[in-house]
Amino acid sequence: MKRLLLGVMFSSAVLMAGNISSGMNYLNSGDEKKAFTEFQKLAKSGDMDAATMLGEMYLDGIGVEQDNKKAYYWIQKAANTGDKKAEYLLGFMYENGIEVKEDIAQAVIWYEKAADKGDVMAMYNLAFIYKNGANGVKKDSQKAVMLM
């Protein structure tokens, strides 16, 4: 999972506001602890891009000991402000039962929010869920194809 999340983090960095650029520079240079400290400072001051990054770092134990409870806190906080990357991650947490009870229907809600904003990972996960149907989410091949 670490490689998946690192790939999401690095590819998303280009799209994020300048406030987190110093944290991204630390992360890209391999100084995960300094990146964590920078994102934490920014997230606590209300920067939701930083909150998402902080949540990802907690989720995957990058620069800090893994802590799913703290990951959920920061990711949910950012998702509730409409941050598409956080919406995707919250869907991922619901789909996989990370710090929350596995709830595919709730995952679909968050994935759809992120997908509506163009998040490709959310679209992929939604397509997979609709293609197969899962735990109360009806199989819908047409939706699956439209998302691919």
C-alpha atoms as a PDB file:
ATOM      1  CA  MET A   1       0.000   0.000   0.000  1.00  0.00           C
ATOM      2  CA  LYS A   2       2.913   2.369   0.702  1.00  0.00           C
ATOM      3  CA  ARG A   3       3.911   2.514  -2.969  1.00  0.00           C
ATOM      4  CA  LEU A   4       0.309   3.175  -4.010  1.00  0.00           C
ATOM      5  CA  LEU A   5      -0.122   6.045  -1.595  1.00  0.00           C
ATOM      6  CA  LEU A   6       3.290   7.531  -2.340  1.00  0.00           C
ATOM      7  CA  GLY A   7       2.381   7.506  -6.025  1.00  0.00           C
ATOM      8  CA  VAL A   8      -0.905   9.252  -5.293  1.00  0.00           C
ATOM      9  CA  MET A   9       0.882  11.801  -3.112  1.00  0.00           C
ATOM     10  CA  PHE A  10       3.572  12.619  -5.657  1.00  0.00           C
ATOM     11  CA  SER A  11       1.206  12.807  -8.615  1.00  0.00           C
ATOM     12  CA  SER A  12      -1.172  15.019  -6.664  1.00  0.00           C
ATOM     13  CA  ALA A  13       1.524  17.416  -5.519  1.00  0.00           C
ATOM     14  CA  VAL A  14       1.489  19.242  -8.833  1.00  0.00           C
ATOM     15  CA  LEU A  15      -2.183  20.056  -8.403  1.00  0.00           C
ATOM     16  CA  MET A  16      -1.964  21.356  -4.851  1.00  0.00           C
ATOM     17  CA  ALA A  17      -1.597  24.886  -3.573  1.00  0.00           C
ATOM     18  CA  GLY A  18       1.789  26.475  -2.962  1.00  0.00           C
ATOM     19  CA  ASN A  19       1.380  26.357   0.814  1.00  0.00           C
ATOM     20  CA  ILE A  20       2.442  22.731   0.951  1.00  0.00           C
ATOM     21  CA  SER A  21       5.360  23.077  -1.440  1.00  0.00           C
ATOM     22  CA  SER A  22       7.958  23.075   1.342  1.00  0.00           C
ATOM     23  CA  GLY A  23       6.511  19.846   2.754  1.00  0.00           C
ATOM     24  CA  MET A  24       6.482  18.302  -0.720  1.00  0.00           C
ATOM     25  CA  ASN A  25      10.105  19.359  -1.236  1.00  0.00           C
ATOM     26  CA  TYR A  26      11.073  17.577   1.984  1.00  0.00           C
ATOM     27  CA  LEU A  27       9.086  14.513   0.947  1.00  0.00           C
ATOM     28  CA  ASN A  28      10.575  14.429  -2.543  1.00  0.00           C
ATOM     29  CA  SER A  29      14.101  14.704  -1.126  1.00  0.00           C
ATOM     30  CA  GLY A  30      13.439  11.760   1.184  1.00  0.00           C
ATOM     31  CA  ASP A  31      13.171  13.696   4.448  1.00  0.00           C
ATOM     32  CA  GLU A  32       9.845  12.235   5.526  1.00  0.00           C
ATOM     33  CA  LYS A  33      10.077  13.462   9.135  1.00  0.00           C
ATOM     34  CA  LYS A  34      10.554  17.109   8.099  1.00  0.00           C
ATOM     35  CA  ALA A  35       7.740  16.729   5.579  1.00  0.00           C
ATOM     36  CA  PHE A  36       5.495  15.351   8.309  1.00  0.00           C
ATOM     37  CA  THR A  37       6.344  18.269  10.624  1.00  0.00           C
ATOM     38  CA  GLU A  38       5.634  20.794   7.875  1.00  0.00           C
ATOM     39  CA  PHE A  39       2.305  19.223   6.886  1.00  0.00           C
ATOM     40  CA  GLN A  40       1.279  18.963  10.536  1.00  0.00           C
ATOM     41  CA  LYS A  41       1.964  22.657  11.125  1.00  0.00           C
ATOM     42  CA  LEU A  42       0.028  23.669   8.021  1.00  0.00           C
ATOM     43  CA  ALA A  43      -2.874  21.285   8.703  1.00  0.00           C
ATOM     44  CA  LYS A  44      -3.272  22.625  12.229  1.00  0.00           C
ATOM     45  CA  SER A  45      -3.477  26.131  10.772  1.00  0.00           C
ATOM     46  CA  GLY A  46      -6.351  25.063   8.474  1.00  0.00           C
ATOM     47  CA  ASP A  47      -4.629  24.095   5.216  1.00  0.00           C
ATOM     48  CA  MET A  48      -6.746  21.216   3.893  1.00  0.00           C
ATOM     49  CA  ASP A  49      -4.198  20.113   1.275  1.00  0.00           C
ATOM     50  CA  ALA A  50      -1.758  19.681   4.150  1.00  0.00           C
ATOM     51  CA  ALA A  51      -4.440  17.914   6.205  1.00  0.00           C
ATOM     52  CA  THR A  52      -4.883  15.404   3.388  1.00  0.00           C
ATOM     53  CA  MET A  53      -1.135  14.835   3.124  1.00  0.00           C
ATOM     54  CA  LEU A  54      -0.872  14.487   6.899  1.00  0.00           C
ATOM     55  CA  GLY A  55      -3.689  11.951   6.888  1.00  0.00           C
ATOM     56  CA  GLU A  56      -1.952   9.970   4.140  1.00  0.00           C
ATOM     57  CA  MET A  57       1.296   9.978   6.079  1.00  0.00           C
ATOM     58  CA  TYR A  58      -0.468   8.653   9.177  1.00  0.00           C
ATOM     59  CA  LEU A  59      -2.341   6.110   7.062  1.00  0.00           C
ATOM     60  CA  ASP A  60       0.820   4.678   5.601  1.00  0.00           C
ATOM     61  CA  GLY A  61       3.350   5.397   8.351  1.00  0.00           C
ATOM     62  CA  ILE A  62       5.420   7.781   6.261  1.00  0.00           C
ATOM     63  CA  GLY A  63       7.599   9.979   8.478  1.00  0.00           C
ATOM     64  CA  VAL A  64       5.555   8.960  11.498  1.00  0.00           C
ATOM     65  CA  GLU A  65       4.309   5.796  13.147  1.00  0.00           C
ATOM     66  CA  GLN A  66       1.216   4.502  11.354  1.00  0.00           C
ATOM     67  CA  ASP A  67      -1.945   5.627  13.134  1.00  0.00           C
ATOM     68  CA  ASN A  68      -5.250   4.913  11.384  1.00  0.00           C
ATOM     69  CA  LYS A  69      -7.243   6.898  13.943  1.00  0.00           C
ATOM     70  CA  LYS A  70      -5.251  10.072  13.240  1.00  0.00           C
ATOM     71  CA  ALA A  71      -5.314   9.315   9.519  1.00  0.00           C
ATOM     72  CA  TYR A  72      -9.092   9.118   9.599  1.00  0.00           C
ATOM     73  CA  TYR A  73      -9.345  12.356  11.596  1.00  0.00           C
ATOM     74  CA  TRP A  74      -7.309  14.409   9.111  1.00  0.00           C
ATOM     75  CA  ILE A  75      -8.664  12.780   5.969  1.00  0.00           C
ATOM     76  CA  GLN A  76     -12.275  13.174   7.104  1.00  0.00           C
ATOM     77  CA  LYS A  77     -11.648  16.795   8.065  1.00  0.00           C
ATOM     78  CA  ALA A  78     -10.306  17.575   4.594  1.00  0.00           C
ATOM     79  CA  ALA A  79     -12.966  15.500   2.814  1.00  0.00           C
ATOM     80  CA  ASN A  80     -15.706  17.416   4.606  1.00  0.00           C
ATOM     81  CA  THR A  81     -14.381  20.624   3.037  1.00  0.00           C
ATOM     82  CA  GLY A  82     -14.594  19.123  -0.459  1.00  0.00           C
ATOM     83  CA  ASP A  83     -10.955  18.146  -0.976  1.00  0.00           C
ATOM     84  CA  LYS A  84     -11.200  15.578  -3.792  1.00  0.00           C
ATOM     85  CA  LYS A  85      -8.089  13.655  -2.820  1.00  0.00           C
ATOM     86  CA  ALA A  86      -9.351  13.366   0.763  1.00  0.00           C
ATOM     87  CA  GLU A  87     -12.763  12.271  -0.537  1.00  0.00           C
ATOM     88  CA  TYR A  88     -11.052   9.497  -2.481  1.00  0.00           C
ATOM     89  CA  LEU A  89      -9.006   8.449   0.557  1.00  0.00           C
ATOM     90  CA  LEU A  90     -12.057   8.437   2.804  1.00  0.00           C
ATOM     91  CA  GLY A  91     -13.818   6.205   0.278  1.00  0.00           C
ATOM     92  CA  PHE A  92     -10.764   3.951   0.302  1.00  0.00           C
ATOM     93  CA  MET A  93     -10.897   3.749   4.103  1.00  0.00           C
ATOM     94  CA  TYR A  94     -14.593   2.802   4.026  1.00  0.00           C
ATOM     95  CA  GLU A  95     -14.106   0.284   1.232  1.00  0.00           C
ATOM     96  CA  ASN A  96     -11.312  -1.442   3.124  1.00  0.00           C
ATOM     97  CA  GLY A  97     -12.582  -1.051   6.689  1.00  0.00           C
ATOM     98  CA  ILE A  98      -9.633   1.065   7.815  1.00  0.00           C
ATOM     99  CA  GLU A  99     -10.521   2.684  11.173  1.00  0.00           C
ATOM    100  CA  VAL A 100     -14.189   2.419  10.221  1.00  0.00           C
ATOM    101  CA  LYS A 101     -16.525  -0.488   9.693  1.00  0.00           C
ATOM    102  CA  GLU A 102     -16.272  -1.664   6.095  1.00  0.00           C
ATOM    103  CA  ASP A 103     -19.126   0.057   4.274  1.00  0.00           C
ATOM    104  CA  ILE A 104     -19.128  -0.164   0.485  1.00  0.00           C
ATOM    105  CA  ALA A 105     -22.192   2.073   0.154  1.00  0.00           C
ATOM    106  CA  GLN A 106     -20.407   4.797   2.144  1.00  0.00           C
ATOM    107  CA  ALA A 107     -17.270   4.253   0.058  1.00  0.00           C
ATOM    108  CA  VAL A 108     -19.335   4.791  -3.094  1.00  0.00           C
ATOM    109  CA  ILE A 109     -20.665   8.089  -1.728  1.00  0.00           C
ATOM    110  CA  TRP A 110     -17.145   9.409  -1.144  1.00  0.00           C
ATOM    111  CA  TYR A 111     -15.763   7.982  -4.380  1.00  0.00           C
ATOM    112  CA  GLU A 112     -18.580   9.627  -6.338  1.00  0.00           C
ATOM    113  CA  LYS A 113     -17.819  13.000  -4.772  1.00  0.00           C
ATOM    114  CA  ALA A 114     -14.161  12.675  -5.735  1.00  0.00           C
ATOM    115  CA  ALA A 115     -14.944  11.239  -9.185  1.00  0.00           C
ATOM    116  CA  ASP A 116     -17.300  14.146  -9.911  1.00  0.00           C
ATOM    117  CA  LYS A 117     -14.269  16.399  -9.386  1.00  0.00           C
ATOM    118  CA  GLY A 118     -12.131  14.322 -11.748  1.00  0.00           C
ATOM    119  CA  ASP A 119     -10.245  12.057  -9.338  1.00  0.00           C
ATOM    120  CA  VAL A 120      -9.070   9.168 -11.528  1.00  0.00           C
ATOM    121  CA  MET A 121      -8.429   6.740  -8.650  1.00  0.00           C
ATOM    122  CA  ALA A 122     -11.971   7.286  -7.382  1.00  0.00           C
ATOM    123  CA  MET A 123     -13.325   6.646 -10.887  1.00  0.00           C
ATOM    124  CA  TYR A 124     -11.339   3.418 -11.138  1.00  0.00           C
ATOM    125  CA  ASN A 125     -12.499   2.148  -7.742  1.00  0.00           C
ATOM    126  CA  LEU A 126     -16.108   3.080  -8.516  1.00  0.00           C
ATOM    127  CA  ALA A 127     -15.944   1.300 -11.874  1.00  0.00           C
ATOM    128  CA  PHE A 128     -14.652  -1.825 -10.156  1.00  0.00           C
ATOM    129  CA  ILE A 129     -17.416  -1.709  -7.522  1.00  0.00           C
ATOM    130  CA  TYR A 130     -20.146  -1.174 -10.140  1.00  0.00           C
ATOM    131  CA  LYS A 131     -18.686  -3.842 -12.433  1.00  0.00           C
ATOM    132  CA  ASN A 132     -18.887  -6.498  -9.726  1.00  0.00           C
ATOM    133  CA  GLY A 133     -21.546  -5.187  -7.371  1.00  0.00           C
ATOM    134  CA  ALA A 134     -20.722  -5.415  -3.689  1.00  0.00           C
ATOM    135  CA  ASN A 135     -22.406  -5.408  -0.284  1.00  0.00           C
ATOM    136  CA  GLY A 136     -25.598  -3.598  -1.147  1.00  0.00           C
ATOM    137  CA  VAL A 137     -24.268  -1.777  -4.202  1.00  0.00           C
ATOM    138  CA  LYS A 138     -26.079  -3.104  -7.237  1.00  0.00           C
ATOM    139  CA  LYS A 139     -24.029  -4.310 -10.192  1.00  0.00           C
ATOM    140  CA  ASP A 140     -24.246  -1.725 -12.978  1.00  0.00           C
ATOM    141  CA  SER A 141     -22.108  -2.505 -16.016  1.00  0.00           C
ATOM    142  CA  GLN A 142     -23.170   0.660 -17.813  1.00  0.00           C
ATOM    143  CA  LYS A 143     -21.935   2.891 -14.962  1.00  0.00           C
ATOM    144  CA  ALA A 144     -18.744   0.857 -14.766  1.00  0.00           C
ATOM    145  CA  VAL A 145     -17.992   1.379 -18.462  1.00  0.00           C
ATOM    146  CA  MET A 146     -18.755   5.111 -18.292  1.00  0.00           C
ATOM    147  CA  LEU A 147     -16.244   5.510 -15.471  1.00  0.00           C
ATOM    148  CA  MET A 148     -13.413   3.715 -17.277  1.00  0.00           C
END
